[in-house]
């Protein structure tokens, strides 16, 4: 896997852009390393509660960077809603509130907001597109530190997937999986994004609200803690003022 190393050339890259903070900073890093016009953005909807809001965030970030329509790909992975098993895709499973680190179902240590094996599906689409357009890197904003502990956000997961890419593509294909923020704390990701001028104000992280972030789901709690640690205000709206939360 590639870490954040300055490139000598302007080879194309595909960035998986959910519309969240981590993937936005990945897009900023890819822009810096590969140059404007060489970054393609991929967004996957999968029947999640905030699907439409995340799509708006994706389009806003893509517009911010001037990515042309031909360099954007939006796919719909509706099978995740049929599969269920996650609070993000199954309306019968409640999104935990103010329970950061709470155990998941059936005694699992993994939270109920984990979508089973989701990132493998995202990466498969991204690698397919990268091979089709001749891109040499696929960026994904997985974070192992300061995260909810999802198994498909660990560094070793991407090391194994890299081997799959090498044996599952054309012999002449060279695609690297880039995870530049995987070992960073969320506050470090914010600082890096600010250094790069990333449009953090356009991002969306909330698991269950579309207009004003709930401030109580795992993703909101992690985001708010990260901005507080970074010493800067979070630019997105919340249902309650930050100071009003217990």
C-alpha atoms as a PDB file:
ATOM      1  CA  UNK A   1       0.000   0.000   0.000  1.00  0.00           C
ATOM      2  CA  UNK A   2       1.101   3.533  -0.671  1.00  0.00           C
ATOM      3  CA  UNK A   3       1.358   6.090   2.101  1.00  0.00           C
ATOM      4  CA  UNK A   4       1.275   9.837   1.494  1.00  0.00           C
ATOM      5  CA  UNK A   5       4.363  10.251  -0.730  1.00  0.00           C
ATOM      6  CA  UNK A   6       4.737  12.960  -3.346  1.00  0.00           C
ATOM      7  CA  UNK A   7       4.510  11.574  -6.868  1.00  0.00           C
ATOM      8  CA  UNK A   8       7.020  12.298  -9.623  1.00  0.00           C
ATOM      9  CA  UNK A   9       4.284  11.985 -12.255  1.00  0.00           C
ATOM     10  CA  UNK A  10       0.640  12.886 -12.606  1.00  0.00           C
ATOM     11  CA  UNK A  11      -0.815   9.393 -12.934  1.00  0.00           C
ATOM     12  CA  UNK A  12      -4.574   9.117 -12.598  1.00  0.00           C
ATOM     13  CA  UNK A  13      -6.181   8.220  -9.293  1.00  0.00           C
ATOM     14  CA  UNK A  14      -9.656   7.126  -8.244  1.00  0.00           C
ATOM     15  CA  UNK A  15     -10.885   8.394  -4.875  1.00  0.00           C
ATOM     16  CA  UNK A  16     -13.744   6.706  -3.044  1.00  0.00           C
ATOM     17  CA  UNK A  17     -15.631   9.776  -1.813  1.00  0.00           C
ATOM     18  CA  UNK A  18     -18.514   9.127   0.561  1.00  0.00           C
ATOM     19  CA  UNK A  19     -18.978  12.809   1.308  1.00  0.00           C
ATOM     20  CA  UNK A  20     -17.574  12.388   4.806  1.00  0.00           C
ATOM     21  CA  UNK A  21     -14.626  14.137   6.401  1.00  0.00           C
ATOM     22  CA  UNK A  22     -12.033  11.371   5.994  1.00  0.00           C
ATOM     23  CA  UNK A  23     -12.730  10.735   2.318  1.00  0.00           C
ATOM     24  CA  UNK A  24     -12.792  14.489   1.646  1.00  0.00           C
ATOM     25  CA  UNK A  25      -9.283  14.830   3.048  1.00  0.00           C
ATOM     26  CA  UNK A  26      -8.238  11.827   0.943  1.00  0.00           C
ATOM     27  CA  UNK A  27      -9.534  13.679  -2.118  1.00  0.00           C
ATOM     28  CA  UNK A  28      -7.490  16.733  -1.104  1.00  0.00           C
ATOM     29  CA  UNK A  29      -4.367  14.576  -0.710  1.00  0.00           C
ATOM     30  CA  UNK A  30      -4.969  12.968  -4.108  1.00  0.00           C
ATOM     31  CA  UNK A  31      -5.421  16.401  -5.701  1.00  0.00           C
ATOM     32  CA  UNK A  32      -2.116  17.522  -4.223  1.00  0.00           C
ATOM     33  CA  UNK A  33      -0.238  14.406  -5.322  1.00  0.00           C
ATOM     34  CA  UNK A  34      -1.750  13.785  -8.728  1.00  0.00           C
ATOM     35  CA  UNK A  35      -2.799  17.260  -9.829  1.00  0.00           C
ATOM     36  CA  UNK A  36      -6.102  18.716 -10.966  1.00  0.00           C
ATOM     37  CA  UNK A  37      -7.631  16.783 -13.843  1.00  0.00           C
ATOM     38  CA  UNK A  38      -6.022  13.504 -12.811  1.00  0.00           C
ATOM     39  CA  UNK A  39      -8.389  12.628  -9.974  1.00  0.00           C
ATOM     40  CA  UNK A  40     -11.626  10.740 -10.586  1.00  0.00           C
ATOM     41  CA  UNK A  41     -14.250  10.581  -7.834  1.00  0.00           C
ATOM     42  CA  UNK A  42     -16.410   7.544  -7.074  1.00  0.00           C
ATOM     43  CA  UNK A  43     -19.464   7.607  -4.825  1.00  0.00           C
ATOM     44  CA  UNK A  44     -21.425   4.546  -3.727  1.00  0.00           C
ATOM     45  CA  UNK A  45     -24.913   4.697  -2.319  1.00  0.00           C
ATOM     46  CA  UNK A  46     -25.942   1.542  -0.490  1.00  0.00           C
ATOM     47  CA  UNK A  47     -29.364   2.206   0.947  1.00  0.00           C
ATOM     48  CA  UNK A  48     -28.006   3.955   4.036  1.00  0.00           C
ATOM     49  CA  UNK A  49     -30.257   6.262   6.059  1.00  0.00           C
ATOM     50  CA  UNK A  50     -28.512   9.457   4.909  1.00  0.00           C
ATOM     51  CA  UNK A  51     -27.952   8.369   1.318  1.00  0.00           C
ATOM     52  CA  UNK A  52     -29.338  11.494  -0.331  1.00  0.00           C
ATOM     53  CA  UNK A  53     -27.487  13.837   2.031  1.00  0.00           C
ATOM     54  CA  UNK A  54     -24.186  12.042   1.432  1.00  0.00           C
ATOM     55  CA  UNK A  55     -24.758  12.254  -2.313  1.00  0.00           C
ATOM     56  CA  UNK A  56     -25.205  16.019  -1.987  1.00  0.00           C
ATOM     57  CA  UNK A  57     -21.958  16.216  -0.034  1.00  0.00           C
ATOM     58  CA  UNK A  58     -20.177  14.224  -2.756  1.00  0.00           C
ATOM     59  CA  UNK A  59     -21.445  16.531  -5.499  1.00  0.00           C
ATOM     60  CA  UNK A  60     -20.506  19.618  -3.496  1.00  0.00           C
ATOM     61  CA  UNK A  61     -16.956  18.420  -2.924  1.00  0.00           C
ATOM     62  CA  UNK A  62     -16.616  17.374  -6.569  1.00  0.00           C
ATOM     63  CA  UNK A  63     -17.811  20.834  -7.661  1.00  0.00           C
ATOM     64  CA  UNK A  64     -15.360  22.463  -5.239  1.00  0.00           C
ATOM     65  CA  UNK A  65     -12.459  20.682  -6.919  1.00  0.00           C
ATOM     66  CA  UNK A  66     -13.786  21.267 -10.417  1.00  0.00           C
ATOM     67  CA  UNK A  67     -14.052  17.565 -11.215  1.00  0.00           C
ATOM     68  CA  UNK A  68     -15.834  17.168 -14.540  1.00  0.00           C
ATOM     69  CA  UNK A  69     -18.942  14.980 -14.887  1.00  0.00           C
ATOM     70  CA  UNK A  70     -16.906  12.504 -16.927  1.00  0.00           C
ATOM     71  CA  UNK A  71     -14.561  12.050 -13.970  1.00  0.00           C
ATOM     72  CA  UNK A  72     -17.382  11.299 -11.538  1.00  0.00           C
ATOM     73  CA  UNK A  73     -19.048   7.924 -11.078  1.00  0.00           C
ATOM     74  CA  UNK A  74     -22.034   7.260  -8.835  1.00  0.00           C
ATOM     75  CA  UNK A  75     -23.104   3.663  -8.251  1.00  0.00           C
ATOM     76  CA  UNK A  76     -25.980   2.185  -6.288  1.00  0.00           C
ATOM     77  CA  UNK A  77     -25.366  -0.949  -4.222  1.00  0.00           C
ATOM     78  CA  UNK A  78     -28.924  -1.668  -3.120  1.00  0.00           C
ATOM     79  CA  UNK A  79     -28.158  -5.236  -2.100  1.00  0.00           C
ATOM     80  CA  UNK A  80     -26.889  -3.934   1.248  1.00  0.00           C
ATOM     81  CA  UNK A  81     -30.420  -2.913   2.199  1.00  0.00           C
ATOM     82  CA  UNK A  82     -31.684  -6.386   1.253  1.00  0.00           C
ATOM     83  CA  UNK A  83     -28.874  -8.016   3.247  1.00  0.00           C
ATOM     84  CA  UNK A  84     -29.518  -5.858   6.334  1.00  0.00           C
ATOM     85  CA  UNK A  85     -27.658  -6.584   9.543  1.00  0.00           C
ATOM     86  CA  UNK A  86     -26.676  -2.945  10.113  1.00  0.00           C
ATOM     87  CA  UNK A  87     -28.351   0.035  11.745  1.00  0.00           C
ATOM     88  CA  UNK A  88     -27.336   2.083   8.707  1.00  0.00           C
ATOM     89  CA  UNK A  89     -29.330  -0.010   6.232  1.00  0.00           C
ATOM     90  CA  UNK A  90     -31.985  -1.766   8.307  1.00  0.00           C
ATOM     91  CA  UNK A  91     -34.807   0.409   9.652  1.00  0.00           C
ATOM     92  CA  UNK A  92     -35.571  -2.212  12.298  1.00  0.00           C
ATOM     93  CA  UNK A  93     -32.180  -1.661  13.978  1.00  0.00           C
ATOM     94  CA  UNK A  94     -31.890   1.608  15.888  1.00  0.00           C
ATOM     95  CA  UNK A  95     -28.834   3.820  15.534  1.00  0.00           C
ATOM     96  CA  UNK A  96     -27.212   3.998  19.000  1.00  0.00           C
ATOM     97  CA  UNK A  97     -27.200   7.461  20.577  1.00  0.00           C
ATOM     98  CA  UNK A  98     -24.599   8.665  23.089  1.00  0.00           C
ATOM     99  CA  UNK A  99     -23.236   5.117  23.278  1.00  0.00           C
ATOM    100  CA  UNK A 100     -19.812   5.396  21.656  1.00  0.00           C
ATOM    101  CA  UNK A 101     -18.042   2.053  21.927  1.00  0.00           C
ATOM    102  CA  UNK A 102     -21.214   0.134  22.798  1.00  0.00           C
ATOM    103  CA  UNK A 103     -21.219  -3.557  21.880  1.00  0.00           C
ATOM    104  CA  UNK A 104     -23.091  -4.763  18.831  1.00  0.00           C
ATOM    105  CA  UNK A 105     -25.679  -7.483  18.392  1.00  0.00           C
ATOM    106  CA  UNK A 106     -25.267 -11.059  19.651  1.00  0.00           C
ATOM    107  CA  UNK A 107     -22.520  -9.954  22.036  1.00  0.00           C
ATOM    108  CA  UNK A 108     -20.211  -8.757  19.271  1.00  0.00           C
ATOM    109  CA  UNK A 109     -17.633  -6.086  20.078  1.00  0.00           C
ATOM    110  CA  UNK A 110     -18.349  -4.515  16.673  1.00  0.00           C
ATOM    111  CA  UNK A 111     -21.065  -1.795  16.737  1.00  0.00           C
ATOM    112  CA  UNK A 112     -24.418  -2.319  15.005  1.00  0.00           C
ATOM    113  CA  UNK A 113     -23.515   0.501  12.611  1.00  0.00           C
ATOM    114  CA  UNK A 114     -20.980  -1.804  10.938  1.00  0.00           C
ATOM    115  CA  UNK A 115     -22.168  -2.727   7.414  1.00  0.00           C
ATOM    116  CA  UNK A 116     -21.005  -6.313   6.793  1.00  0.00           C
ATOM    117  CA  UNK A 117     -17.929  -6.401   4.547  1.00  0.00           C
ATOM    118  CA  UNK A 118     -18.990  -3.128   2.921  1.00  0.00           C
ATOM    119  CA  UNK A 119     -15.576  -1.752   2.016  1.00  0.00           C
ATOM    120  CA  UNK A 120     -14.714  -4.804  -0.091  1.00  0.00           C
ATOM    121  CA  UNK A 121     -17.690  -3.982  -2.308  1.00  0.00           C
ATOM    122  CA  UNK A 122     -16.602  -0.332  -2.570  1.00  0.00           C
ATOM    123  CA  UNK A 123     -13.032  -1.300  -3.419  1.00  0.00           C
ATOM    124  CA  UNK A 124     -14.149  -3.809  -6.036  1.00  0.00           C
ATOM    125  CA  UNK A 125     -16.074  -1.124  -7.912  1.00  0.00           C
ATOM    126  CA  UNK A 126     -13.190   1.340  -7.554  1.00  0.00           C
ATOM    127  CA  UNK A 127     -10.591  -1.136  -8.832  1.00  0.00           C
ATOM    128  CA  UNK A 128     -12.816  -2.062 -11.777  1.00  0.00           C
ATOM    129  CA  UNK A 129     -13.176   1.599 -12.721  1.00  0.00           C
ATOM    130  CA  UNK A 130      -9.493   2.306 -12.142  1.00  0.00           C
ATOM    131  CA  UNK A 131      -8.494  -0.531 -14.451  1.00  0.00           C
ATOM    132  CA  UNK A 132     -10.972   0.634 -17.103  1.00  0.00           C
ATOM    133  CA  UNK A 133      -9.680   4.233 -17.141  1.00  0.00           C
ATOM    134  CA  UNK A 134      -6.015   3.457 -16.571  1.00  0.00           C
ATOM    135  CA  UNK A 135      -5.741   4.855 -13.048  1.00  0.00           C
ATOM    136  CA  UNK A 136      -2.793   3.710 -10.970  1.00  0.00           C
ATOM    137  CA  UNK A 137      -4.155   4.323  -7.471  1.00  0.00           C
ATOM    138  CA  UNK A 138      -7.385   3.906  -5.544  1.00  0.00           C
ATOM    139  CA  UNK A 139      -7.736   6.099  -2.449  1.00  0.00           C
ATOM    140  CA  UNK A 140     -10.008   5.173   0.438  1.00  0.00           C
ATOM    141  CA  UNK A 141     -10.458   7.145   3.667  1.00  0.00           C
ATOM    142  CA  UNK A 142     -10.393   4.224   6.078  1.00  0.00           C
ATOM    143  CA  UNK A 143      -9.353   5.150   9.616  1.00  0.00           C
ATOM    144  CA  UNK A 144      -8.166   2.609  12.183  1.00  0.00           C
ATOM    145  CA  UNK A 145      -7.430   5.108  14.971  1.00  0.00           C
ATOM    146  CA  UNK A 146     -10.201   7.110  16.665  1.00  0.00           C
ATOM    147  CA  UNK A 147     -12.793   4.978  14.906  1.00  0.00           C
ATOM    148  CA  UNK A 148     -15.700   2.685  15.720  1.00  0.00           C
ATOM    149  CA  UNK A 149     -13.523  -0.415  15.366  1.00  0.00           C
ATOM    150  CA  UNK A 150     -14.938  -1.700  12.094  1.00  0.00           C
ATOM    151  CA  UNK A 151     -12.935  -4.728  10.883  1.00  0.00           C
ATOM    152  CA  UNK A 152     -12.805  -3.460   7.292  1.00  0.00           C
ATOM    153  CA  UNK A 153     -10.991  -0.290   8.391  1.00  0.00           C
ATOM    154  CA  UNK A 154      -7.825  -2.048   9.585  1.00  0.00           C
ATOM    155  CA  UNK A 155      -4.507  -1.697   7.763  1.00  0.00           C
ATOM    156  CA  UNK A 156      -4.128  -5.458   7.353  1.00  0.00           C
ATOM    157  CA  UNK A 157      -7.468  -5.580   5.541  1.00  0.00           C
ATOM    158  CA  UNK A 158      -6.066  -3.354   2.791  1.00  0.00           C
ATOM    159  CA  UNK A 159      -2.782  -5.216   2.654  1.00  0.00           C
ATOM    160  CA  UNK A 160      -4.696  -8.397   1.872  1.00  0.00           C
ATOM    161  CA  UNK A 161      -6.950  -6.618  -0.640  1.00  0.00           C
ATOM    162  CA  UNK A 162      -3.845  -5.293  -2.395  1.00  0.00           C
ATOM    163  CA  UNK A 163      -2.772  -8.893  -3.040  1.00  0.00           C
ATOM    164  CA  UNK A 164      -6.219  -9.634  -4.474  1.00  0.00           C
ATOM    165  CA  UNK A 165      -5.908  -6.675  -6.854  1.00  0.00           C
ATOM    166  CA  UNK A 166      -2.573  -7.965  -8.129  1.00  0.00           C
ATOM    167  CA  UNK A 167      -3.862 -11.454  -8.899  1.00  0.00           C
ATOM    168  CA  UNK A 168      -7.311 -10.374 -10.103  1.00  0.00           C
ATOM    169  CA  UNK A 169      -6.436  -7.766 -12.737  1.00  0.00           C
ATOM    170  CA  UNK A 170      -4.611  -7.856 -16.079  1.00  0.00           C
ATOM    171  CA  UNK A 171      -0.909  -8.763 -15.849  1.00  0.00           C
ATOM    172  CA  UNK A 172       0.043  -5.281 -17.040  1.00  0.00           C
ATOM    173  CA  UNK A 173      -2.302  -3.502 -14.605  1.00  0.00           C
ATOM    174  CA  UNK A 174      -0.657  -1.733 -11.698  1.00  0.00           C
ATOM    175  CA  UNK A 175      -3.157  -0.403  -9.183  1.00  0.00           C
ATOM    176  CA  UNK A 176      -2.142   0.519  -5.640  1.00  0.00           C
ATOM    177  CA  UNK A 177      -4.594   0.864  -2.762  1.00  0.00           C
ATOM    178  CA  UNK A 178      -3.796   4.136  -0.961  1.00  0.00           C
ATOM    179  CA  UNK A 179      -4.921   4.619   2.646  1.00  0.00           C
ATOM    180  CA  UNK A 180      -3.233   7.891   3.596  1.00  0.00           C
ATOM    181  CA  UNK A 181      -5.247   8.593   6.760  1.00  0.00           C
ATOM    182  CA  UNK A 182      -5.568   5.082   8.165  1.00  0.00           C
ATOM    183  CA  UNK A 183      -3.087   5.582  11.025  1.00  0.00           C
ATOM    184  CA  UNK A 184      -4.045   9.179  11.771  1.00  0.00           C
ATOM    185  CA  UNK A 185      -6.225  10.409  14.618  1.00  0.00           C
ATOM    186  CA  UNK A 186      -9.374  12.203  13.551  1.00  0.00           C
ATOM    187  CA  UNK A 187      -7.993  15.504  14.840  1.00  0.00           C
ATOM    188  CA  UNK A 188      -4.879  14.993  12.698  1.00  0.00           C
ATOM    189  CA  UNK A 189      -7.070  14.371   9.672  1.00  0.00           C
ATOM    190  CA  UNK A 190      -8.839  17.672  10.330  1.00  0.00           C
ATOM    191  CA  UNK A 191      -5.530  19.522  10.625  1.00  0.00           C
ATOM    192  CA  UNK A 192      -4.236  17.919   7.434  1.00  0.00           C
ATOM    193  CA  UNK A 193      -7.431  18.859   5.650  1.00  0.00           C
ATOM    194  CA  UNK A 194      -7.126  22.449   6.790  1.00  0.00           C
ATOM    195  CA  UNK A 195      -3.512  22.568   5.581  1.00  0.00           C
ATOM    196  CA  UNK A 196      -4.699  21.441   2.155  1.00  0.00           C
ATOM    197  CA  UNK A 197      -7.718  23.737   2.086  1.00  0.00           C
ATOM    198  CA  UNK A 198     -10.144  20.806   2.005  1.00  0.00           C
ATOM    199  CA  UNK A 199     -13.824  21.859   2.040  1.00  0.00           C
ATOM    200  CA  UNK A 200     -14.697  20.340   5.403  1.00  0.00           C
ATOM    201  CA  UNK A 201     -17.767  22.578   5.545  1.00  0.00           C
ATOM    202  CA  UNK A 202     -19.248  20.537   2.681  1.00  0.00           C
ATOM    203  CA  UNK A 203     -18.808  17.156   4.363  1.00  0.00           C
ATOM    204  CA  UNK A 204     -21.444  15.096   6.147  1.00  0.00           C
ATOM    205  CA  UNK A 205     -20.836  12.454   8.810  1.00  0.00           C
ATOM    206  CA  UNK A 206     -24.140  11.925  10.634  1.00  0.00           C
ATOM    207  CA  UNK A 207     -25.624   8.431  10.458  1.00  0.00           C
ATOM    208  CA  UNK A 208     -29.274   9.417  10.777  1.00  0.00           C
ATOM    209  CA  UNK A 209     -30.080  13.068  10.016  1.00  0.00           C
ATOM    210  CA  UNK A 210     -30.144  14.898   6.688  1.00  0.00           C
ATOM    211  CA  UNK A 211     -30.385  18.611   7.462  1.00  0.00           C
ATOM    212  CA  UNK A 212     -28.878  19.144  10.911  1.00  0.00           C
ATOM    213  CA  UNK A 213     -26.490  16.511  12.251  1.00  0.00           C
ATOM    214  CA  UNK A 214     -27.901  14.669  15.260  1.00  0.00           C
ATOM    215  CA  UNK A 215     -24.746  15.091  17.366  1.00  0.00           C
ATOM    216  CA  UNK A 216     -25.374  11.829  19.259  1.00  0.00           C
ATOM    217  CA  UNK A 217     -24.626   8.949  16.862  1.00  0.00           C
ATOM    218  CA  UNK A 218     -21.152   7.371  16.885  1.00  0.00           C
ATOM    219  CA  UNK A 219     -20.050   9.247  13.787  1.00  0.00           C
ATOM    220  CA  UNK A 220     -21.153  12.631  15.136  1.00  0.00           C
ATOM    221  CA  UNK A 221     -19.551  11.963  18.527  1.00  0.00           C
ATOM    222  CA  UNK A 222     -16.227  11.032  16.912  1.00  0.00           C
ATOM    223  CA  UNK A 223     -16.365  14.056  14.629  1.00  0.00           C
ATOM    224  CA  UNK A 224     -17.206  16.510  17.406  1.00  0.00           C
ATOM    225  CA  UNK A 225     -14.456  15.133  19.643  1.00  0.00           C
ATOM    226  CA  UNK A 226     -11.966  15.429  16.789  1.00  0.00           C
ATOM    227  CA  UNK A 227     -12.809  19.064  16.058  1.00  0.00           C
ATOM    228  CA  UNK A 228     -12.588  19.857  19.771  1.00  0.00           C
ATOM    229  CA  UNK A 229      -9.175  18.193  19.969  1.00  0.00           C
ATOM    230  CA  UNK A 230      -8.040  20.042  16.854  1.00  0.00           C
ATOM    231  CA  UNK A 231      -9.114  23.306  18.498  1.00  0.00           C
ATOM    232  CA  UNK A 232     -11.369  24.466  15.673  1.00  0.00           C
ATOM    233  CA  UNK A 233     -15.173  24.694  15.394  1.00  0.00           C
ATOM    234  CA  UNK A 234     -17.049  22.128  13.351  1.00  0.00           C
ATOM    235  CA  UNK A 235     -18.536  24.035  10.391  1.00  0.00           C
ATOM    236  CA  UNK A 236     -21.644  21.886   9.885  1.00  0.00           C
ATOM    237  CA  UNK A 237     -24.998  22.491  11.652  1.00  0.00           C
ATOM    238  CA  UNK A 238     -26.148  20.373  14.586  1.00  0.00           C
ATOM    239  CA  UNK A 239     -29.548  20.011  16.221  1.00  0.00           C
ATOM    240  CA  UNK A 240     -28.153  21.334  19.499  1.00  0.00           C
ATOM    241  CA  UNK A 241     -25.452  23.916  20.060  1.00  0.00           C
ATOM    242  CA  UNK A 242     -22.204  22.173  20.985  1.00  0.00           C
ATOM    243  CA  UNK A 243     -22.160  23.820  24.388  1.00  0.00           C
ATOM    244  CA  UNK A 244     -25.661  22.562  25.119  1.00  0.00           C
ATOM    245  CA  UNK A 245     -24.697  18.884  24.963  1.00  0.00           C
ATOM    246  CA  UNK A 246     -24.134  16.946  28.135  1.00  0.00           C
END
